[in-house]
Amino acid sequence: MQGSPVRPYANVKAYPTTDIFLDLAFVDHTNTPVVPTSISIEIDDITNSVVMAGPSTLNPAGSTIAPFLYPAFASSMYLQVAASVWNMTFPNIGSQLCQVGMQFTAIDSVTGQPFTGTGIIAVIELCALATVSGLAY
């Protein structure tokens, strides 16, 4: 067999201590775009079982604390996770997998009732930079 499986989340590679941008879209059970009333984000180092950030509750209209959330359209936004969050737990191992999880609350387009959606936004592999003197992070 060739190829790789289709994952329900983004699989991203990045260097430590760099800003990472993620696109978010919010839909209800009928895939109708909805505007979230609250959003909570948690970032975990799943290689070493360590919480890196959060859970942080964000204001869907925008936030002035890291991570940053910016509106693109009413039901879609992009999330800027500041470089200060992306530190390797053990920089000598070369890479680590990080999971960005999210929970949001919105009003269902059919029932008019609040609902909570959860999921994995992305799995990000932090790759240490190799240098002549050793690993830099």
Protein backbone atom coordinates (compact mmCIF):
# COMPACT_ATOMS: atom_id res chain seq x y z
CA MET A 1 0.00 0.00 0.00
CA GLN A 2 1.18 3.49 -0.78
CA GLY A 3 0.20 6.92 0.43
CA SER A 4 -0.90 8.02 3.84
CA PRO A 5 -4.28 8.00 5.55
CA VAL A 6 -6.59 10.99 5.35
CA ARG A 7 -6.66 12.59 8.78
CA PRO A 8 -9.55 14.68 10.17
CA TYR A 9 -7.05 17.35 11.27
CA ALA A 10 -4.14 19.31 9.84
CA ASN A 11 -0.70 17.70 10.15
CA VAL A 12 1.83 20.54 10.35
CA LYS A 13 5.62 20.67 10.81
CA ALA A 14 7.11 23.79 12.40
CA TYR A 15 10.21 25.04 14.16
CA PRO A 16 10.05 25.82 17.88
CA THR A 17 9.56 29.44 18.97
CA THR A 18 7.79 30.52 15.76
CA ASP A 19 4.23 31.85 15.44
CA ILE A 20 1.80 29.30 14.00
CA PHE A 21 -1.41 30.28 12.20
CA LEU A 22 -4.41 27.93 12.01
CA ASP A 23 -7.65 28.41 10.06
CA LEU A 24 -10.86 27.69 11.97
CA ALA A 25 -14.37 27.16 10.59
CA PHE A 26 -17.42 26.63 12.81
CA VAL A 27 -20.41 24.55 11.65
CA ASP A 28 -23.34 22.81 13.31
CA HIS A 29 -24.57 19.23 12.76
CA THR A 30 -25.97 20.16 9.32
CA ASN A 31 -22.65 21.76 8.25
CA THR A 32 -24.28 25.19 8.37
CA PRO A 33 -21.80 27.93 9.37
CA VAL A 34 -22.37 29.23 12.89
CA VAL A 35 -20.83 32.01 14.97
CA PRO A 36 -19.30 30.70 18.20
CA THR A 37 -20.31 32.30 21.50
CA SER A 38 -17.29 30.87 23.37
CA ILE A 39 -14.09 29.09 22.41
CA SER A 40 -11.62 27.17 24.58
CA ILE A 41 -8.20 26.02 23.30
CA GLU A 42 -5.64 23.66 24.84
CA ILE A 43 -2.22 22.81 23.44
CA ASP A 44 -0.54 19.60 24.59
CA ASP A 45 2.83 17.96 23.99
CA ILE A 46 1.50 14.46 23.25
CA THR A 47 4.98 12.98 22.84
CA ASN A 48 5.79 13.66 26.51
CA SER A 49 2.26 14.03 27.97
CA VAL A 50 2.72 17.67 29.02
CA VAL A 51 0.23 20.56 28.82
CA MET A 52 1.89 23.42 26.93
CA ALA A 53 -0.90 26.03 27.10
CA GLY A 54 -4.45 26.29 28.31
CA PRO A 55 -7.11 25.56 28.48
CA SER A 56 -7.61 29.20 27.48
CA THR A 57 -11.05 30.70 26.91
CA LEU A 58 -11.03 33.11 24.00
CA ASN A 59 -13.41 35.89 23.05
CA PRO A 60 -14.74 35.06 19.55
CA ALA A 61 -14.80 38.78 18.69
CA GLY A 62 -11.02 38.92 19.24
CA SER A 63 -8.56 38.51 22.03
CA THR A 64 -5.69 40.54 23.41
CA ILE A 65 -3.93 37.60 25.08
CA ALA A 66 -2.02 34.70 23.53
CA PRO A 67 -3.17 32.67 21.72
CA PHE A 68 -4.67 35.32 19.41
CA LEU A 69 -7.94 34.86 17.57
CA TYR A 70 -8.83 36.97 14.54
CA PRO A 71 -12.16 37.03 12.69
CA ALA A 72 -11.99 36.33 8.97
CA PHE A 73 -15.72 35.93 8.37
CA ALA A 74 -18.59 35.48 10.83
CA SER A 75 -18.21 31.69 11.04
CA SER A 76 -14.48 31.39 10.30
CA MET A 77 -11.44 32.77 12.04
CA TYR A 78 -7.76 32.22 12.17
CA LEU A 79 -5.84 31.49 15.30
CA GLN A 80 -2.33 32.84 15.83
CA VAL A 81 -0.50 30.88 18.50
CA ALA A 82 2.42 32.97 19.71
CA ALA A 83 6.01 31.73 19.42
CA SER A 84 6.36 31.71 23.22
CA VAL A 85 3.98 28.71 23.41
CA TRP A 86 6.04 26.54 21.05
CA ASN A 87 8.94 25.47 23.25
CA MET A 88 10.15 21.89 23.13
CA THR A 89 9.76 20.03 26.42
CA PHE A 90 13.02 18.14 25.82
CA PRO A 91 14.91 19.97 23.04
CA ASN A 92 17.52 17.22 22.72
CA ILE A 93 15.05 14.67 21.30
CA GLY A 94 14.87 16.33 17.88
CA SER A 95 11.09 16.55 17.51
CA GLN A 96 7.84 16.31 19.44
CA LEU A 97 4.19 16.05 18.49
CA CYS A 98 1.84 18.73 19.79
CA GLN A 99 -1.94 18.57 19.69
CA VAL A 100 -4.17 21.64 19.45
CA GLY A 101 -7.63 20.85 20.81
CA MET A 102 -10.67 23.08 20.83
CA GLN A 103 -14.13 23.24 22.35
CA PHE A 104 -16.68 25.83 21.24
CA THR A 105 -20.27 26.74 21.99
CA ALA A 106 -22.64 28.09 19.33
CA ILE A 107 -26.36 28.28 18.52
CA ASP A 108 -27.65 25.43 16.34
CA SER A 109 -29.20 26.66 13.07
CA VAL A 110 -32.06 24.11 13.19
CA THR A 111 -33.04 23.94 16.88
CA GLY A 112 -31.97 27.43 17.95
CA GLN A 113 -30.42 25.84 21.05
CA PRO A 114 -26.80 26.12 22.21
CA PHE A 115 -24.53 23.17 21.43
CA THR A 116 -20.91 22.33 22.18
CA GLY A 117 -18.50 21.15 19.51
CA THR A 118 -15.12 19.59 20.26
CA GLY A 119 -12.25 18.34 18.21
CA ILE A 120 -8.61 18.37 17.25
CA ILE A 121 -7.65 21.37 15.14
CA ALA A 122 -4.13 20.22 14.30
CA VAL A 123 -1.26 17.97 15.22
CA ILE A 124 1.96 19.95 14.96
CA GLU A 125 5.39 18.37 14.89
CA LEU A 126 7.99 20.69 16.38
CA CYS A 127 11.33 19.96 14.72
CA ALA A 128 14.49 21.12 16.47
CA LEU A 129 17.07 22.93 14.37
CA ALA A 130 20.34 21.02 14.03
CA THR A 131 23.47 23.13 14.30
CA VAL A 132 27.19 22.41 14.39
CA SER A 133 27.24 22.91 18.16
CA GLY A 134 24.12 20.79 18.78
CA LEU A 135 20.37 21.29 18.71
CA ALA A 136 19.07 24.83 18.84
CA TYR A 137 15.52 25.65 19.84
